[in-house]
Amino acid sequence: MMKIDPNNIIIKDLHSYLLSIIGPRPIALASTINQSGLSNVSPFSFFNIFSANPPIAIFSPARRVRNNTEKDTLNNIENTKEVVINIVNYNLVEQASIASNEYAKEIDEFHKAGLTKIKSKKIKPYRVKESPVQMECKVNQIIKLGEQGGAGNLIICEILLIHISEEILDSKNRIDPNKLQLVGRMGGNWYCKGFNESLFEIQKPTKDLCIGFDKIPTHIKNSDILDNQDIIKLASINRLPEANEIEQFTHTIKLTTNNTRLELRTQLHTKAKEEIKKNNIECAWKYLLIDKIKKEI
């Protein structure tokens, strides 16, 4: 494998590698004001949520790698200790990119990027109307990670008020990812979509522990039909079907019975793979364990 020692590579290249490696990253479109009341809005993908109680989000306007200068967002926050974090989705990402340009301090990026200002309820910086979710925040702390180009500045934000567009909610007032249409930042000029065909579900583990890889019979782990992702899903179940469940299951399915044991196992593994694709993991296990109960089918 290629190896990179951060101490033996120029910062520009290290920065590029890190941004390509760690992603997709959510994008915070941070709106601030300076002491004169002039607005600034700029996107940051060094961003995430870190606590629900208290509600804390953190983003980092890093010092510019090119010339080691600080960004207006950081300077404004140091003076006002307030920021609105506007969430960037697919419809907003192009305008957020325009706002990322290094305009002069006296330029209002809201106007440059064609964004609409909305007054906040609890703080002075404006919200971005085009954003589906806007979070008014007070800044509890700024942690400077260095003084050289590329050094981050962690802006620790306590969320005071969240505004959520009703257009992205489902019938239960939960956020629908296919309506929200988040995007993520990758390396270079690349972004990715977080909706529609890009989404997949993994059920959260229950209070009961998963059986894990060590409980999977060797012949299943070494299957010529099941791949590693199939085995991972099999390991996520919290219990194996009992013998009586498997026996009852055999009466509900049709299999070719005049095969050798190897041919039968191949048939069972093929059926199991089909069920795994449909996320029917328990059913897949029943197929896989049929030959274990030594029953004529």
C-alpha atoms as a PDB file:
ATOM      1  CA  MET A   1       0.000   0.000   0.000  1.00  0.00           C
ATOM      2  CA  MET A   2       1.032   3.582  -0.622  1.00  0.00           C
ATOM      3  CA  LYS A   3       2.261   5.263   2.552  1.00  0.00           C
ATOM      4  CA  ILE A   4       2.164   8.969   3.425  1.00  0.00           C
ATOM      5  CA  ASP A   5       4.073  10.519   6.313  1.00  0.00           C
ATOM      6  CA  PRO A   6       2.400  13.892   7.061  1.00  0.00           C
ATOM      7  CA  ASN A   7       5.812  15.249   8.053  1.00  0.00           C
ATOM      8  CA  ASN A   8       7.329  14.426   4.660  1.00  0.00           C
ATOM      9  CA  ILE A   9       4.775  15.845   2.240  1.00  0.00           C
ATOM     10  CA  ILE A  10       3.925  19.410   1.281  1.00  0.00           C
ATOM     11  CA  ILE A  11       0.755  20.679   2.970  1.00  0.00           C
ATOM     12  CA  LYS A  12      -1.044  21.328  -0.308  1.00  0.00           C
ATOM     13  CA  ASP A  13      -0.745  17.670  -1.307  1.00  0.00           C
ATOM     14  CA  LEU A  14      -1.564  16.377   2.172  1.00  0.00           C
ATOM     15  CA  HIS A  15      -4.648  18.592   2.214  1.00  0.00           C
ATOM     16  CA  SER A  16      -5.733  17.160  -1.136  1.00  0.00           C
ATOM     17  CA  TYR A  17      -5.279  13.555  -0.002  1.00  0.00           C
ATOM     18  CA  LEU A  18      -7.166  14.101   3.254  1.00  0.00           C
ATOM     19  CA  LEU A  19     -10.133  15.710   1.514  1.00  0.00           C
ATOM     20  CA  SER A  20     -10.280  12.823  -0.949  1.00  0.00           C
ATOM     21  CA  ILE A  21      -9.987  10.192   1.781  1.00  0.00           C
ATOM     22  CA  ILE A  22     -12.465  11.543   4.308  1.00  0.00           C
ATOM     23  CA  GLY A  23     -15.852  11.965   2.713  1.00  0.00           C
ATOM     24  CA  PRO A  24     -18.554  12.498   1.863  1.00  0.00           C
ATOM     25  CA  ARG A  25     -18.652  15.442   4.233  1.00  0.00           C
ATOM     26  CA  PRO A  26     -21.824  17.416   5.036  1.00  0.00           C
ATOM     27  CA  ILE A  27     -21.702  21.087   4.112  1.00  0.00           C
ATOM     28  CA  ALA A  28     -22.446  23.958   6.477  1.00  0.00           C
ATOM     29  CA  LEU A  29     -23.273  27.215   4.749  1.00  0.00           C
ATOM     30  CA  ALA A  30     -22.269  29.555   7.581  1.00  0.00           C
ATOM     31  CA  SER A  31     -23.767  33.036   7.656  1.00  0.00           C
ATOM     32  CA  THR A  32     -22.220  35.673   9.909  1.00  0.00           C
ATOM     33  CA  ILE A  33     -22.024  39.448  10.242  1.00  0.00           C
ATOM     34  CA  ASN A  34     -19.113  41.718  11.058  1.00  0.00           C
ATOM     35  CA  GLN A  35     -19.067  44.520  13.616  1.00  0.00           C
ATOM     36  CA  SER A  36     -20.352  46.956  10.988  1.00  0.00           C
ATOM     37  CA  GLY A  37     -23.366  44.752  10.247  1.00  0.00           C
ATOM     38  CA  LEU A  38     -22.135  43.511   6.845  1.00  0.00           C
ATOM     39  CA  SER A  39     -23.182  39.947   6.067  1.00  0.00           C
ATOM     40  CA  ASN A  40     -20.917  37.095   5.029  1.00  0.00           C
ATOM     41  CA  VAL A  41     -21.901  33.602   3.936  1.00  0.00           C
ATOM     42  CA  SER A  42     -19.494  30.782   3.097  1.00  0.00           C
ATOM     43  CA  PRO A  43     -19.586  26.947   2.883  1.00  0.00           C
ATOM     44  CA  PHE A  44     -17.508  24.613   5.060  1.00  0.00           C
ATOM     45  CA  SER A  45     -17.307  20.844   4.799  1.00  0.00           C
ATOM     46  CA  PHE A  46     -15.210  20.351   7.925  1.00  0.00           C
ATOM     47  CA  PHE A  47     -18.550  20.081   9.739  1.00  0.00           C
ATOM     48  CA  ASN A  48     -20.676  17.726  11.817  1.00  0.00           C
ATOM     49  CA  ILE A  49     -22.965  17.307  14.840  1.00  0.00           C
ATOM     50  CA  PHE A  50     -21.244  16.249  18.063  1.00  0.00           C
ATOM     51  CA  SER A  51     -23.851  16.363  20.823  1.00  0.00           C
ATOM     52  CA  ALA A  52     -27.626  16.377  21.259  1.00  0.00           C
ATOM     53  CA  ASN A  53     -27.689  17.456  24.899  1.00  0.00           C
ATOM     54  CA  PRO A  54     -26.529  20.171  24.705  1.00  0.00           C
ATOM     55  CA  PRO A  55     -27.078  20.435  20.925  1.00  0.00           C
ATOM     56  CA  ILE A  56     -23.587  21.107  19.593  1.00  0.00           C
ATOM     57  CA  ALA A  57     -22.395  21.382  15.993  1.00  0.00           C
ATOM     58  CA  ILE A  58     -18.789  22.073  15.054  1.00  0.00           C
ATOM     59  CA  PHE A  59     -17.322  23.385  11.828  1.00  0.00           C
ATOM     60  CA  SER A  60     -13.835  24.545  10.976  1.00  0.00           C
ATOM     61  CA  PRO A  61     -12.819  27.471   8.769  1.00  0.00           C
ATOM     62  CA  ALA A  62      -9.206  26.429   8.233  1.00  0.00           C
ATOM     63  CA  ARG A  63      -6.432  28.899   7.510  1.00  0.00           C
ATOM     64  CA  ARG A  64      -5.856  29.101   3.775  1.00  0.00           C
ATOM     65  CA  VAL A  65      -3.162  26.681   2.628  1.00  0.00           C
ATOM     66  CA  ARG A  66      -2.069  29.010  -0.169  1.00  0.00           C
ATOM     67  CA  ASN A  67      -1.206  32.112   1.847  1.00  0.00           C
ATOM     68  CA  ASN A  68      -1.936  31.264   5.507  1.00  0.00           C
ATOM     69  CA  THR A  69      -4.669  33.888   5.845  1.00  0.00           C
ATOM     70  CA  GLU A  70      -7.808  33.650   7.969  1.00  0.00           C
ATOM     71  CA  LYS A  71     -11.309  33.622   6.523  1.00  0.00           C
ATOM     72  CA  ASP A  72     -13.874  36.359   7.109  1.00  0.00           C
ATOM     73  CA  THR A  73     -16.200  33.845   8.752  1.00  0.00           C
ATOM     74  CA  LEU A  74     -13.661  33.205  11.505  1.00  0.00           C
ATOM     75  CA  ASN A  75     -12.967  36.907  12.032  1.00  0.00           C
ATOM     76  CA  ASN A  76     -16.675  37.696  12.257  1.00  0.00           C
ATOM     77  CA  ILE A  77     -17.355  34.915  14.749  1.00  0.00           C
ATOM     78  CA  GLU A  78     -14.448  35.986  16.932  1.00  0.00           C
ATOM     79  CA  ASN A  79     -16.146  39.372  17.273  1.00  0.00           C
ATOM     80  CA  THR A  80     -19.836  38.425  17.489  1.00  0.00           C
ATOM     81  CA  LYS A  81     -19.876  34.798  18.768  1.00  0.00           C
ATOM     82  CA  GLU A  82     -22.923  34.104  16.562  1.00  0.00           C
ATOM     83  CA  VAL A  83     -23.515  32.107  13.368  1.00  0.00           C
ATOM     84  CA  VAL A  84     -26.332  30.535  11.383  1.00  0.00           C
ATOM     85  CA  ILE A  85     -25.542  27.087  10.004  1.00  0.00           C
ATOM     86  CA  ASN A  86     -27.596  26.626   6.836  1.00  0.00           C
ATOM     87  CA  ILE A  87     -27.724  23.070   5.517  1.00  0.00           C
ATOM     88  CA  VAL A  88     -26.718  22.647   1.867  1.00  0.00           C
ATOM     89  CA  ASN A  89     -28.804  20.373  -0.342  1.00  0.00           C
ATOM     90  CA  TYR A  90     -28.752  19.604  -4.068  1.00  0.00           C
ATOM     91  CA  ASN A  91     -30.731  22.703  -5.051  1.00  0.00           C
ATOM     92  CA  LEU A  92     -28.417  24.967  -3.053  1.00  0.00           C
ATOM     93  CA  VAL A  93     -24.991  23.491  -3.745  1.00  0.00           C
ATOM     94  CA  GLU A  94     -24.156  25.551  -6.847  1.00  0.00           C
ATOM     95  CA  GLN A  95     -24.910  28.811  -5.044  1.00  0.00           C
ATOM     96  CA  ALA A  96     -22.899  27.632  -2.041  1.00  0.00           C
ATOM     97  CA  SER A  97     -19.977  27.048  -4.389  1.00  0.00           C
ATOM     98  CA  ILE A  98     -20.257  30.618  -5.692  1.00  0.00           C
ATOM     99  CA  ALA A  99     -20.233  31.877  -2.101  1.00  0.00           C
ATOM    100  CA  SER A 100     -16.944  30.042  -1.507  1.00  0.00           C
ATOM    101  CA  ASN A 101     -15.063  32.520  -3.700  1.00  0.00           C
ATOM    102  CA  GLU A 102     -12.618  34.803  -1.880  1.00  0.00           C
ATOM    103  CA  TYR A 103     -14.424  38.106  -2.262  1.00  0.00           C
ATOM    104  CA  ALA A 104     -13.194  41.279  -0.585  1.00  0.00           C
ATOM    105  CA  LYS A 105     -14.359  41.898   2.978  1.00  0.00           C
ATOM    106  CA  GLU A 106     -16.785  44.595   1.883  1.00  0.00           C
ATOM    107  CA  ILE A 107     -18.590  42.256  -0.543  1.00  0.00           C
ATOM    108  CA  ASP A 108     -21.836  40.636   0.620  1.00  0.00           C
ATOM    109  CA  GLU A 109     -21.802  37.005  -0.598  1.00  0.00           C
ATOM    110  CA  PHE A 110     -25.587  36.840  -0.237  1.00  0.00           C
ATOM    111  CA  HIS A 111     -25.834  39.153  -3.233  1.00  0.00           C
ATOM    112  CA  LYS A 112     -23.020  37.492  -5.193  1.00  0.00           C
ATOM    113  CA  ALA A 113     -24.546  34.020  -4.812  1.00  0.00           C
ATOM    114  CA  GLY A 114     -28.135  35.149  -5.348  1.00  0.00           C
ATOM    115  CA  LEU A 115     -29.177  34.092  -1.846  1.00  0.00           C
ATOM    116  CA  THR A 116     -32.095  35.538   0.091  1.00  0.00           C
ATOM    117  CA  LYS A 117     -31.718  36.874   3.633  1.00  0.00           C
ATOM    118  CA  ILE A 118     -34.216  36.042   6.380  1.00  0.00           C
ATOM    119  CA  LYS A 119     -34.011  37.625   9.812  1.00  0.00           C
ATOM    120  CA  SER A 120     -33.102  35.236  12.599  1.00  0.00           C
ATOM    121  CA  LYS A 121     -35.162  35.022  15.777  1.00  0.00           C
ATOM    122  CA  LYS A 122     -32.450  34.808  18.443  1.00  0.00           C
ATOM    123  CA  ILE A 123     -29.239  36.087  16.864  1.00  0.00           C
ATOM    124  CA  LYS A 124     -28.173  38.852  14.474  1.00  0.00           C
ATOM    125  CA  PRO A 125     -26.756  36.956  11.448  1.00  0.00           C
ATOM    126  CA  TYR A 126     -29.280  36.275   8.698  1.00  0.00           C
ATOM    127  CA  ARG A 127     -30.584  32.876   7.670  1.00  0.00           C
ATOM    128  CA  VAL A 128     -30.465  31.646   4.062  1.00  0.00           C
ATOM    129  CA  LYS A 129     -34.014  31.293   2.742  1.00  0.00           C
ATOM    130  CA  GLU A 130     -32.994  28.756   0.095  1.00  0.00           C
ATOM    131  CA  SER A 131     -31.681  26.328   2.730  1.00  0.00           C
ATOM    132  CA  PRO A 132     -34.185  23.652   3.869  1.00  0.00           C
ATOM    133  CA  VAL A 133     -32.762  23.662   7.415  1.00  0.00           C
ATOM    134  CA  GLN A 134     -31.333  26.687   9.235  1.00  0.00           C
ATOM    135  CA  MET A 135     -29.815  26.528  12.721  1.00  0.00           C
ATOM    136  CA  GLU A 136     -29.288  29.657  14.789  1.00  0.00           C
ATOM    137  CA  CYS A 137     -26.232  29.193  16.994  1.00  0.00           C
ATOM    138  CA  LYS A 138     -24.203  30.914  19.648  1.00  0.00           C
ATOM    139  CA  VAL A 139     -20.490  30.137  19.620  1.00  0.00           C
ATOM    140  CA  ASN A 140     -19.334  28.686  22.928  1.00  0.00           C
ATOM    141  CA  GLN A 141     -15.675  28.267  22.051  1.00  0.00           C
ATOM    142  CA  ILE A 142     -13.108  28.625  19.281  1.00  0.00           C
ATOM    143  CA  ILE A 143     -10.210  26.187  19.348  1.00  0.00           C
ATOM    144  CA  LYS A 144      -7.270  27.145  17.152  1.00  0.00           C
ATOM    145  CA  LEU A 145      -5.364  24.063  16.014  1.00  0.00           C
ATOM    146  CA  GLY A 146      -2.305  25.868  14.673  1.00  0.00           C
ATOM    147  CA  GLU A 147      -0.879  29.012  13.128  1.00  0.00           C
ATOM    148  CA  GLN A 148       0.255  27.617   9.776  1.00  0.00           C
ATOM    149  CA  GLY A 149      -1.592  27.320   6.478  1.00  0.00           C
ATOM    150  CA  GLY A 150      -4.133  24.496   6.603  1.00  0.00           C
ATOM    151  CA  ALA A 151      -4.596  24.701  10.379  1.00  0.00           C
ATOM    152  CA  GLY A 152      -8.189  24.343  11.502  1.00  0.00           C
ATOM    153  CA  ASN A 153     -10.214  26.516  13.852  1.00  0.00           C
ATOM    154  CA  LEU A 154     -12.931  24.529  15.587  1.00  0.00           C
ATOM    155  CA  ILE A 155     -16.065  26.645  15.961  1.00  0.00           C
ATOM    156  CA  ILE A 156     -18.084  24.994  18.730  1.00  0.00           C
ATOM    157  CA  CYS A 157     -21.678  26.060  18.169  1.00  0.00           C
ATOM    158  CA  GLU A 158     -24.600  25.605  20.531  1.00  0.00           C
ATOM    159  CA  ILE A 159     -27.813  25.374  18.536  1.00  0.00           C
ATOM    160  CA  LEU A 160     -30.433  27.783  19.884  1.00  0.00           C
ATOM    161  CA  LEU A 161     -33.195  27.382  17.305  1.00  0.00           C
ATOM    162  CA  ILE A 162     -33.748  25.086  14.309  1.00  0.00           C
ATOM    163  CA  HIS A 163     -35.896  26.065  11.322  1.00  0.00           C
ATOM    164  CA  ILE A 164     -37.045  23.126   9.149  1.00  0.00           C
ATOM    165  CA  SER A 165     -38.930  23.515   5.880  1.00  0.00           C
ATOM    166  CA  GLU A 166     -42.224  21.609   5.947  1.00  0.00           C
ATOM    167  CA  GLU A 167     -41.522  20.566   2.361  1.00  0.00           C
ATOM    168  CA  ILE A 168     -38.904  18.033   3.526  1.00  0.00           C
ATOM    169  CA  LEU A 169     -41.107  16.367   6.173  1.00  0.00           C
ATOM    170  CA  ASP A 170     -43.091  13.148   5.882  1.00  0.00           C
ATOM    171  CA  SER A 171     -46.568  12.483   7.315  1.00  0.00           C
ATOM    172  CA  LYS A 172     -45.056  11.909  10.771  1.00  0.00           C
ATOM    173  CA  ASN A 173     -43.088  15.173  10.728  1.00  0.00           C
ATOM    174  CA  ARG A 174     -39.843  13.264  10.269  1.00  0.00           C
ATOM    175  CA  ILE A 175     -37.261  14.420   7.750  1.00  0.00           C
ATOM    176  CA  ASP A 176     -37.496  12.476   4.491  1.00  0.00           C
ATOM    177  CA  PRO A 177     -33.983  12.142   2.998  1.00  0.00           C
ATOM    178  CA  ASN A 178     -35.429  11.981  -0.510  1.00  0.00           C
ATOM    179  CA  LYS A 179     -37.113  15.334   0.060  1.00  0.00           C
ATOM    180  CA  LEU A 180     -34.165  16.906   1.866  1.00  0.00           C
ATOM    181  CA  GLN A 181     -31.734  15.810  -0.892  1.00  0.00           C
ATOM    182  CA  LEU A 182     -28.483  16.356   0.972  1.00  0.00           C
ATOM    183  CA  VAL A 183     -25.176  16.498  -0.863  1.00  0.00           C
ATOM    184  CA  GLY A 184     -21.709  15.685   0.424  1.00  0.00           C
ATOM    185  CA  ARG A 185     -18.300  17.121  -0.370  1.00  0.00           C
ATOM    186  CA  MET A 186     -15.609  14.858  -1.772  1.00  0.00           C
ATOM    187  CA  GLY A 187     -12.064  15.533  -2.959  1.00  0.00           C
ATOM    188  CA  GLY A 188     -11.231  17.864  -5.839  1.00  0.00           C
ATOM    189  CA  ASN A 189     -14.353  19.194  -7.553  1.00  0.00           C
ATOM    190  CA  TRP A 190     -16.433  16.152  -6.636  1.00  0.00           C
ATOM    191  CA  TYR A 191     -19.690  16.019  -4.680  1.00  0.00           C
ATOM    192  CA  CYS A 192     -22.115  13.182  -4.065  1.00  0.00           C
ATOM    193  CA  LYS A 193     -25.875  12.870  -3.643  1.00  0.00           C
ATOM    194  CA  GLY A 194     -27.462  11.564  -0.464  1.00  0.00           C
ATOM    195  CA  PHE A 195     -30.870  10.601  -1.812  1.00  0.00           C
ATOM    196  CA  ASN A 196     -32.808   8.258  -4.127  1.00  0.00           C
ATOM    197  CA  GLU A 197     -30.666   5.460  -5.570  1.00  0.00           C
ATOM    198  CA  SER A 198     -27.703   6.513  -3.428  1.00  0.00           C
ATOM    199  CA  LEU A 199     -29.515   5.526  -0.216  1.00  0.00           C
ATOM    200  CA  PHE A 200     -29.584   2.126   1.466  1.00  0.00           C
ATOM    201  CA  GLU A 201     -30.775   0.948   4.864  1.00  0.00           C
ATOM    202  CA  ILE A 202     -28.978  -1.005   7.573  1.00  0.00           C
ATOM    203  CA  GLN A 203     -31.123  -1.985  10.512  1.00  0.00           C
ATOM    204  CA  LYS A 204     -29.768  -0.795  13.845  1.00  0.00           C
ATOM    205  CA  PRO A 205     -28.679  -3.598  16.186  1.00  0.00           C
ATOM    206  CA  THR A 206     -31.305  -4.417  18.797  1.00  0.00           C
ATOM    207  CA  LYS A 207     -30.623  -4.696  22.515  1.00  0.00           C
ATOM    208  CA  ASP A 208     -29.807  -8.356  21.794  1.00  0.00           C
ATOM    209  CA  LEU A 209     -26.275  -8.901  20.537  1.00  0.00           C
ATOM    210  CA  CYS A 210     -25.552  -9.954  16.952  1.00  0.00           C
ATOM    211  CA  ILE A 211     -24.341 -13.537  16.575  1.00  0.00           C
ATOM    212  CA  GLY A 212     -21.123 -12.318  14.911  1.00  0.00           C
ATOM    213  CA  PHE A 213     -18.808 -14.037  12.439  1.00  0.00           C
ATOM    214  CA  ASP A 214     -17.616 -16.690  14.883  1.00  0.00           C
ATOM    215  CA  LYS A 215     -21.073 -18.323  15.015  1.00  0.00           C
ATOM    216  CA  ILE A 216     -21.326 -18.785  11.262  1.00  0.00           C
ATOM    217  CA  PRO A 217     -20.555 -22.376  10.173  1.00  0.00           C
ATOM    218  CA  THR A 218     -17.333 -22.730   8.205  1.00  0.00           C
ATOM    219  CA  HIS A 219     -19.004 -24.142   5.087  1.00  0.00           C
ATOM    220  CA  ILE A 220     -21.181 -21.019   4.916  1.00  0.00           C
ATOM    221  CA  LYS A 221     -18.257 -18.623   5.387  1.00  0.00           C
ATOM    222  CA  ASN A 222     -16.394 -20.529   2.646  1.00  0.00           C
ATOM    223  CA  SER A 223     -19.357 -20.588   0.272  1.00  0.00           C
ATOM    224  CA  ASP A 224     -18.626 -20.213  -3.437  1.00  0.00           C
ATOM    225  CA  ILE A 225     -21.969 -18.457  -3.853  1.00  0.00           C
ATOM    226  CA  LEU A 226     -22.144 -16.070  -0.919  1.00  0.00           C
ATOM    227  CA  ASP A 227     -19.775 -13.102  -0.995  1.00  0.00           C
ATOM    228  CA  ASN A 228     -18.271 -11.193   1.917  1.00  0.00           C
ATOM    229  CA  GLN A 229     -21.127  -8.689   2.077  1.00  0.00           C
ATOM    230  CA  ASP A 230     -23.597 -11.569   2.305  1.00  0.00           C
ATOM    231  CA  ILE A 231     -21.644 -13.067   5.214  1.00  0.00           C
ATOM    232  CA  ILE A 232     -21.574  -9.699   6.988  1.00  0.00           C
ATOM    233  CA  LYS A 233     -25.361  -9.483   6.796  1.00  0.00           C
ATOM    234  CA  LEU A 234     -25.708 -13.033   8.072  1.00  0.00           C
ATOM    235  CA  ALA A 235     -23.554 -12.126  11.079  1.00  0.00           C
ATOM    236  CA  SER A 236     -25.850  -9.211  11.979  1.00  0.00           C
ATOM    237  CA  ILE A 237     -28.811 -11.355  13.070  1.00  0.00           C
ATOM    238  CA  ASN A 238     -29.313 -11.720  16.824  1.00  0.00           C
ATOM    239  CA  ARG A 239     -30.271 -15.409  16.846  1.00  0.00           C
ATOM    240  CA  LEU A 240     -30.255 -18.417  14.551  1.00  0.00           C
ATOM    241  CA  PRO A 241     -33.526 -20.139  13.641  1.00  0.00           C
ATOM    242  CA  GLU A 242     -34.379 -23.157  15.800  1.00  0.00           C
ATOM    243  CA  ALA A 243     -34.586 -26.655  14.296  1.00  0.00           C
ATOM    244  CA  ASN A 244     -38.389 -26.725  14.529  1.00  0.00           C
ATOM    245  CA  GLU A 245     -38.607 -23.386  12.702  1.00  0.00           C
ATOM    246  CA  ILE A 246     -36.395 -24.702   9.922  1.00  0.00           C
ATOM    247  CA  GLU A 247     -38.413 -27.907   9.655  1.00  0.00           C
ATOM    248  CA  GLN A 248     -41.662 -25.967   9.367  1.00  0.00           C
ATOM    249  CA  PHE A 249     -40.009 -23.761   6.759  1.00  0.00           C
ATOM    250  CA  THR A 250     -39.182 -26.780   4.579  1.00  0.00           C
ATOM    251  CA  HIS A 251     -42.900 -27.439   4.132  1.00  0.00           C
ATOM    252  CA  THR A 252     -43.442 -23.980   2.631  1.00  0.00           C
ATOM    253  CA  ILE A 253     -40.802 -24.109  -0.114  1.00  0.00           C
ATOM    254  CA  LYS A 254     -40.027 -26.136  -3.196  1.00  0.00           C
ATOM    255  CA  LEU A 255     -36.575 -27.542  -3.844  1.00  0.00           C
ATOM    256  CA  THR A 256     -35.167 -30.110  -6.254  1.00  0.00           C
ATOM    257  CA  THR A 257     -34.759 -33.161  -4.044  1.00  0.00           C
ATOM    258  CA  ASN A 258     -32.997 -35.699  -6.257  1.00  0.00           C
ATOM    259  CA  ASN A 259     -29.620 -33.979  -5.976  1.00  0.00           C
ATOM    260  CA  THR A 260     -26.394 -34.850  -4.228  1.00  0.00           C
ATOM    261  CA  ARG A 261     -25.681 -33.158  -0.916  1.00  0.00           C
ATOM    262  CA  LEU A 262     -23.307 -30.746  -2.665  1.00  0.00           C
ATOM    263  CA  GLU A 263     -25.904 -29.889  -5.301  1.00  0.00           C
ATOM    264  CA  LEU A 264     -28.519 -29.381  -2.605  1.00  0.00           C
ATOM    265  CA  ARG A 265     -26.197 -27.092  -0.674  1.00  0.00           C
ATOM    266  CA  THR A 266     -25.545 -25.077  -3.841  1.00  0.00           C
ATOM    267  CA  GLN A 267     -29.278 -24.744  -4.355  1.00  0.00           C
ATOM    268  CA  LEU A 268     -29.801 -23.656  -0.743  1.00  0.00           C
ATOM    269  CA  HIS A 269     -26.992 -21.086  -0.862  1.00  0.00           C
ATOM    270  CA  THR A 270     -28.406 -19.664  -4.086  1.00  0.00           C
ATOM    271  CA  LYS A 271     -31.839 -19.281  -2.500  1.00  0.00           C
ATOM    272  CA  ALA A 272     -30.259 -17.724   0.587  1.00  0.00           C
ATOM    273  CA  LYS A 273     -28.413 -15.163  -1.514  1.00  0.00           C
ATOM    274  CA  GLU A 274     -31.687 -14.142  -3.144  1.00  0.00           C
ATOM    275  CA  GLU A 275     -33.234 -13.583   0.290  1.00  0.00           C
ATOM    276  CA  ILE A 276     -30.217 -11.600   1.496  1.00  0.00           C
ATOM    277  CA  LYS A 277     -30.635  -9.249  -1.464  1.00  0.00           C
ATOM    278  CA  LYS A 278     -34.189  -8.646  -0.236  1.00  0.00           C
ATOM    279  CA  ASN A 279     -32.863  -8.157   3.314  1.00  0.00           C
ATOM    280  CA  ASN A 280     -34.757 -11.244   4.506  1.00  0.00           C
ATOM    281  CA  ILE A 281     -31.873 -12.415   6.668  1.00  0.00           C
ATOM    282  CA  GLU A 282     -33.825 -14.828   8.868  1.00  0.00           C
ATOM    283  CA  CYS A 283     -35.283 -16.522   5.800  1.00  0.00           C
ATOM    284  CA  ALA A 284     -31.795 -16.766   4.293  1.00  0.00           C
ATOM    285  CA  TRP A 285     -30.572 -18.515   7.443  1.00  0.00           C
ATOM    286  CA  LYS A 286     -33.411 -21.032   7.226  1.00  0.00           C
ATOM    287  CA  TYR A 287     -32.298 -21.986   3.738  1.00  0.00           C
ATOM    288  CA  LEU A 288     -28.685 -22.255   4.838  1.00  0.00           C
ATOM    289  CA  LEU A 289     -29.465 -24.480   7.806  1.00  0.00           C
ATOM    290  CA  ILE A 290     -31.843 -26.893   6.082  1.00  0.00           C
ATOM    291  CA  ASP A 291     -29.157 -29.488   5.415  1.00  0.00           C
ATOM    292  CA  LYS A 292     -28.062 -29.275   9.054  1.00  0.00           C
ATOM    293  CA  ILE A 293     -31.308 -30.798  10.352  1.00  0.00           C
ATOM    294  CA  LYS A 294     -30.729 -33.856   8.128  1.00  0.00           C
ATOM    295  CA  LYS A 295     -34.241 -34.026   6.829  1.00  0.00           C
ATOM    296  CA  GLU A 296     -35.373 -35.487   3.526  1.00  0.00           C
ATOM    297  CA  ILE A 297     -36.960 -32.734   1.505  1.00  0.00           C
END
